[in-house]
PDB file of N, CA and C in Angstrom:
ATOM      1  N   MET A   1       0.798  -1.147  -0.045  1.00  0.00           N
ATOM      2  CA  MET A   1       0.125  -0.094   0.067  1.00  0.00           C
ATOM      3  C   MET A   1       0.831   1.317  -0.082  1.00  0.00           C
ATOM      4  N   GLU A   2       0.555   2.321  -0.878  1.00  0.00           N
ATOM      5  CA  GLU A   2       1.352   3.595  -0.968  1.00  0.00           C
ATOM      6  C   GLU A   2       1.013   4.235   0.252  1.00  0.00           C
ATOM      7  N   GLN A   3       2.062   4.787   0.768  1.00  0.00           N
ATOM      8  CA  GLN A   3       2.105   5.812   1.891  1.00  0.00           C
ATOM      9  C   GLN A   3       1.766   7.178   1.489  1.00  0.00           C
ATOM     10  N   GLU A   4       0.909   7.798   2.017  1.00  0.00           N
ATOM     11  CA  GLU A   4       0.676   9.250   1.599  1.00  0.00           C
ATOM     12  C   GLU A   4       1.243  10.233   2.537  1.00  0.00           C
ATOM     13  N   GLU A   5       1.852  11.293   1.918  1.00  0.00           N
ATOM     14  CA  GLU A   5       2.602  12.248   2.671  1.00  0.00           C
ATOM     15  C   GLU A   5       2.187  13.639   2.401  1.00  0.00           C
ATOM     16  N   THR A   6       2.022  14.504   3.083  1.00  0.00           N
ATOM     17  CA  THR A   6       1.639  15.811   2.672  1.00  0.00           C
ATOM     18  C   THR A   6       2.777  16.796   2.790  1.00  0.00           C
ATOM     19  N   ALA A   7       3.100  17.740   2.009  1.00  0.00           N
ATOM     20  CA  ALA A   7       4.211  18.774   2.216  1.00  0.00           C
ATOM     21  C   ALA A   7       3.858  20.031   1.733  1.00  0.00           C
ATOM     22  N   ILE A   8       4.266  20.909   1.963  1.00  0.00           N
ATOM     23  CA  ILE A   8       3.863  22.413   1.499  1.00  0.00           C
ATOM     24  C   ILE A   8       5.040  22.957   0.810  1.00  0.00           C
ATOM     25  N   ALA A   9       4.634  23.414  -0.335  1.00  0.00           N
ATOM     26  CA  ALA A   9       5.649  23.925  -1.311  1.00  0.00           C
ATOM     27  C   ALA A   9       4.964  25.459  -1.782  1.00  0.00           C
ATOM     28  N   VAL A  10       5.807  26.269  -2.007  1.00  0.00           N
ATOM     29  CA  VAL A  10       5.489  27.559  -2.513  1.00  0.00           C
ATOM     30  C   VAL A  10       6.035  27.897  -3.852  1.00  0.00           C
ATOM     31  N   MET A  11       5.041  28.394  -4.823  1.00  0.00           N
ATOM     32  CA  MET A  11       5.519  28.648  -6.077  1.00  0.00           C
ATOM     33  C   MET A  11       6.362  29.908  -6.162  1.00  0.00           C
ATOM     34  N   GLY A  12       7.357  30.142  -6.740  1.00  0.00           N
ATOM     35  CA  GLY A  12       8.177  31.330  -6.986  1.00  0.00           C
ATOM     36  C   GLY A  12       7.507  32.176  -7.973  1.00  0.00           C
ATOM     37  N   THR A  13       8.227  33.272  -8.186  1.00  0.00           N
ATOM     38  CA  THR A  13       7.878  34.201  -9.259  1.00  0.00           C
ATOM     39  C   THR A  13       7.944  33.701 -10.858  1.00  0.00           C
ATOM     40  N   LYS A  14       8.702  32.834 -10.880  1.00  0.00           N
ATOM     41  CA  LYS A  14       8.748  31.933 -12.357  1.00  0.00           C
ATOM     42  C   LYS A  14       8.027  30.767 -12.462  1.00  0.00           C
ATOM     43  N   GLY A  15       7.365  30.530 -11.616  1.00  0.00           N
ATOM     44  CA  GLY A  15       6.240  29.418 -11.603  1.00  0.00           C
ATOM     45  C   GLY A  15       6.934  28.093 -11.135  1.00  0.00           C
ATOM     46  N   GLN A  16       8.067  28.067 -10.509  1.00  0.00           N
ATOM     47  CA  GLN A  16       8.849  26.972  -9.936  1.00  0.00           C
ATOM     48  C   GLN A  16       8.400  26.643  -8.590  1.00  0.00           C
ATOM     49  N   ILE A  17       8.364  25.312  -8.345  1.00  0.00           N
ATOM     50  CA  ILE A  17       8.091  24.860  -6.872  1.00  0.00           C
ATOM     51  C   ILE A  17       9.389  23.930  -6.569  1.00  0.00           C
ATOM     52  N   VAL A  18       9.753  23.819  -5.389  1.00  0.00           N
ATOM     53  CA  VAL A  18      10.634  22.869  -5.013  1.00  0.00           C
ATOM     54  C   VAL A  18      10.127  21.657  -4.205  1.00  0.00           C
ATOM     55  N   ILE A  19      10.492  20.546  -4.667  1.00  0.00           N
ATOM     56  CA  ILE A  19       9.959  19.208  -4.086  1.00  0.00           C
ATOM     57  C   ILE A  19      10.955  19.089  -2.773  1.00  0.00           C
ATOM     58  N   PRO A  20      10.229  19.001  -1.678  1.00  0.00           N
ATOM     59  CA  PRO A  20      11.032  18.842  -0.501  1.00  0.00           C
ATOM     60  C   PRO A  20      11.946  17.632  -0.452  1.00  0.00           C
ATOM     61  N   LYS A  21      13.320  17.975   0.165  1.00  0.00           N
ATOM     62  CA  LYS A  21      14.519  17.149   0.042  1.00  0.00           C
ATOM     63  C   LYS A  21      13.987  15.625   0.574  1.00  0.00           C
ATOM     64  N   LYS A  22      13.226  15.569   1.564  1.00  0.00           N
ATOM     65  CA  LYS A  22      12.901  14.241   2.040  1.00  0.00           C
ATOM     66  C   LYS A  22      12.212  13.294   1.031  1.00  0.00           C
ATOM     67  N   LEU A  23      11.164  14.054   0.278  1.00  0.00           N
ATOM     68  CA  LEU A  23      10.345  13.344  -0.523  1.00  0.00           C
ATOM     69  C   LEU A  23      11.347  13.054  -2.013  1.00  0.00           C
ATOM     70  N   ARG A  24      12.225  14.064  -2.427  1.00  0.00           N
ATOM     71  CA  ARG A  24      13.378  13.779  -3.514  1.00  0.00           C
ATOM     72  C   ARG A  24      14.064  12.439  -3.252  1.00  0.00           C
ATOM     73  N   SER A  25      14.439  12.591  -1.902  1.00  0.00           N
ATOM     74  CA  SER A  25      15.355  11.405  -1.557  1.00  0.00           C
ATOM     75  C   SER A  25      14.612   9.977  -1.480  1.00  0.00           C
ATOM     76  N   GLU A  26      13.501   9.888  -0.973  1.00  0.00           N
ATOM     77  CA  GLU A  26      12.657   8.581  -0.961  1.00  0.00           C
ATOM     78  C   GLU A  26      12.253   8.286  -2.207  1.00  0.00           C
ATOM     79  N   LEU A  27      12.054   9.209  -3.208  1.00  0.00           N
ATOM     80  CA  LEU A  27      11.670   8.670  -4.520  1.00  0.00           C
ATOM     81  C   LEU A  27      12.836   8.907  -5.462  1.00  0.00           C
ATOM     82  N   GLN A  28      13.902   8.922  -5.052  1.00  0.00           N
ATOM     83  CA  GLN A  28      15.168   8.932  -5.814  1.00  0.00           C
ATOM     84  C   GLN A  28      15.009   9.961  -6.891  1.00  0.00           C
ATOM     85  N   ILE A  29      14.554  11.122  -6.761  1.00  0.00           N
ATOM     86  CA  ILE A  29      14.403  12.356  -7.865  1.00  0.00           C
ATOM     87  C   ILE A  29      15.605  13.016  -7.746  1.00  0.00           C
ATOM     88  N   THR A  30      16.397  13.076  -8.776  1.00  0.00           N
ATOM     89  CA  THR A  30      17.598  13.879  -9.009  1.00  0.00           C
ATOM     90  C   THR A  30      17.416  14.771 -10.084  1.00  0.00           C
ATOM     91  N   PRO A  31      18.644  15.847 -10.110  1.00  0.00           N
ATOM     92  CA  PRO A  31      18.552  16.724 -11.349  1.00  0.00           C
ATOM     93  C   PRO A  31      18.158  15.785 -12.538  1.00  0.00           C
ATOM     94  N   LYS A  32      17.702  16.361 -13.509  1.00  0.00           N
ATOM     95  CA  LYS A  32      17.419  15.572 -14.869  1.00  0.00           C
ATOM     96  C   LYS A  32      16.207  14.545 -14.868  1.00  0.00           C
ATOM     97  N   THR A  33      15.795  14.130 -13.604  1.00  0.00           N
ATOM     98  CA  THR A  33      14.604  13.189 -13.557  1.00  0.00           C
ATOM     99  C   THR A  33      13.514  13.762 -14.201  1.00  0.00           C
ATOM    100  N   LYS A  34      12.834  12.963 -15.176  1.00  0.00           N
ATOM    101  CA  LYS A  34      11.590  13.338 -15.634  1.00  0.00           C
ATOM    102  C   LYS A  34      10.463  13.216 -14.772  1.00  0.00           C
ATOM    103  N   LEU A  35       9.500  14.158 -14.921  1.00  0.00           N
ATOM    104  CA  LEU A  35       8.223  14.041 -14.044  1.00  0.00           C
ATOM    105  C   LEU A  35       7.256  14.533 -14.932  1.00  0.00           C
ATOM    106  N   ALA A  36       6.135  13.855 -14.660  1.00  0.00           N
ATOM    107  CA  ALA A  36       4.937  14.186 -15.538  1.00  0.00           C
ATOM    108  C   ALA A  36       3.974  14.980 -14.509  1.00  0.00           C
ATOM    109  N   ILE A  37       3.197  15.897 -14.915  1.00  0.00           N
ATOM    110  CA  ILE A  37       2.344  16.714 -14.208  1.00  0.00           C
ATOM    111  C   ILE A  37       1.045  16.923 -14.982  1.00  0.00           C
ATOM    112  N   TYR A  38      -0.086  16.454 -14.403  1.00  0.00           N
ATOM    113  CA  TYR A  38      -1.224  16.695 -14.926  1.00  0.00           C
ATOM    114  C   TYR A  38      -2.378  17.047 -13.754  1.00  0.00           C
ATOM    115  N   ARG A  39      -3.427  17.692 -14.434  1.00  0.00           N
ATOM    116  CA  ARG A  39      -4.698  18.164 -13.559  1.00  0.00           C
ATOM    117  C   ARG A  39      -5.540  17.101 -13.159  1.00  0.00           C
ATOM    118  N   LYS A  40      -5.986  16.986 -12.201  1.00  0.00           N
ATOM    119  CA  LYS A  40      -7.074  16.027 -11.802  1.00  0.00           C
ATOM    120  C   LYS A  40      -8.050  16.693 -10.944  1.00  0.00           C
ATOM    121  N   ASP A  41      -9.141  17.351 -11.626  1.00  0.00           N
ATOM    122  CA  ASP A  41     -10.294  18.263 -11.089  1.00  0.00           C
ATOM    123  C   ASP A  41      -9.448  19.269 -10.540  1.00  0.00           C
ATOM    124  N   ASN A  42      -9.345  19.651  -9.191  1.00  0.00           N
ATOM    125  CA  ASN A  42      -8.910  20.891  -8.703  1.00  0.00           C
ATOM    126  C   ASN A  42      -7.486  20.535  -8.166  1.00  0.00           C
ATOM    127  N   LYS A  43      -6.806  19.411  -8.638  1.00  0.00           N
ATOM    128  CA  LYS A  43      -5.529  19.085  -8.082  1.00  0.00           C
ATOM    129  C   LYS A  43      -4.400  19.039  -9.194  1.00  0.00           C
ATOM    130  N   LEU A  44      -3.314  19.258  -8.879  1.00  0.00           N
ATOM    131  CA  LEU A  44      -2.293  19.084  -9.620  1.00  0.00           C
ATOM    132  C   LEU A  44      -1.413  17.753  -9.086  1.00  0.00           C
ATOM    133  N   VAL A  45      -1.159  16.819 -10.047  1.00  0.00           N
ATOM    134  CA  VAL A  45      -0.693  15.407  -9.630  1.00  0.00           C
ATOM    135  C   VAL A  45       0.831  15.485 -10.537  1.00  0.00           C
ATOM    136  N   LEU A  46       1.777  15.181  -9.738  1.00  0.00           N
ATOM    137  CA  LEU A  46       3.279  15.053 -10.111  1.00  0.00           C
ATOM    138  C   LEU A  46       3.596  13.627  -9.929  1.00  0.00           C
ATOM    139  N   MET A  47       4.073  13.084 -11.094  1.00  0.00           N
ATOM    140  CA  MET A  47       4.549  11.624 -11.080  1.00  0.00           C
ATOM    141  C   MET A  47       5.772  11.447 -11.743  1.00  0.00           C
ATOM    142  N   LYS A  48       6.656  10.616 -11.192  1.00  0.00           N
ATOM    143  CA  LYS A  48       8.084  10.341 -11.593  1.00  0.00           C
ATOM    144  C   LYS A  48       7.879   9.353 -12.765  1.00  0.00           C
ATOM    145  N   LEU A  49       8.515   9.688 -13.862  1.00  0.00           N
ATOM    146  CA  LEU A  49       8.485   8.839 -15.028  1.00  0.00           C
ATOM    147  C   LEU A  49       9.689   7.723 -14.869  1.00  0.00           C
ATOM    148  N   ASP A  50       9.511   6.547 -15.240  1.00  0.00           N
ATOM    149  CA  ASP A  50      10.399   5.611 -15.351  1.00  0.00           C
ATOM    150  C   ASP A  50      11.470   5.929 -16.602  1.00  0.00           C
ATOM    151  N   PRO A  51      12.653   5.932 -16.221  1.00  0.00           N
ATOM    152  CA  PRO A  51      13.552   6.023 -17.537  1.00  0.00           C
ATOM    153  C   PRO A  51      13.375   4.977 -18.635  1.00  0.00           C
ATOM    154  N   SER A  52      13.451   5.556 -19.753  1.00  0.00           N
ATOM    155  CA  SER A  52      13.202   4.534 -21.007  1.00  0.00           C
ATOM    156  C   SER A  52      14.646   4.027 -20.972  1.00  0.00           C
ATOM    157  N   PRO A  53      14.615   2.732 -21.417  1.00  0.00           N
ATOM    158  CA  PRO A  53      16.088   1.988 -21.598  1.00  0.00           C
ATOM    159  C   PRO A  53      16.786   2.495 -23.015  1.00  0.00           C
ATOM    160  N   VAL A  54      15.826   3.218 -23.917  1.00  0.00           N
ATOM    161  CA  VAL A  54      16.582   3.670 -25.028  1.00  0.00           C
ATOM    162  C   VAL A  54      16.757   5.200 -24.918  1.00  0.00           C
ATOM    163  N   ASP A  55      16.218   5.853 -23.858  1.00  0.00           N
ATOM    164  CA  ASP A  55      16.306   7.101 -23.660  1.00  0.00           C
ATOM    165  C   ASP A  55      17.765   7.606 -22.854  1.00  0.00           C
ATOM    166  N   LYS A  56      18.822   8.150 -23.846  1.00  0.00           N
ATOM    167  CA  LYS A  56      19.934   8.425 -23.145  1.00  0.00           C
ATOM    168  C   LYS A  56      20.158  10.017 -23.054  1.00  0.00           C
ATOM    169  N   SER A  57      19.096  10.837 -23.024  1.00  0.00           N
ATOM    170  CA  SER A  57      19.326  12.321 -22.792  1.00  0.00           C
ATOM    171  C   SER A  57      19.592  12.511 -21.488  1.00  0.00           C
TER     172      SER A  57
END
């Protein structure tokens, strides 16, 4: 079962948000990690994409 965790992030003037370090570490999100973002009703959902075996970018 997935563990739900809530954190607060503030959007900067350029529209950027910072993912809290604890969540980045737990999910192994590093610079250049690809993330998908989509809207579900009144929520934004952020999802880590698995690297493609042929994607070397």
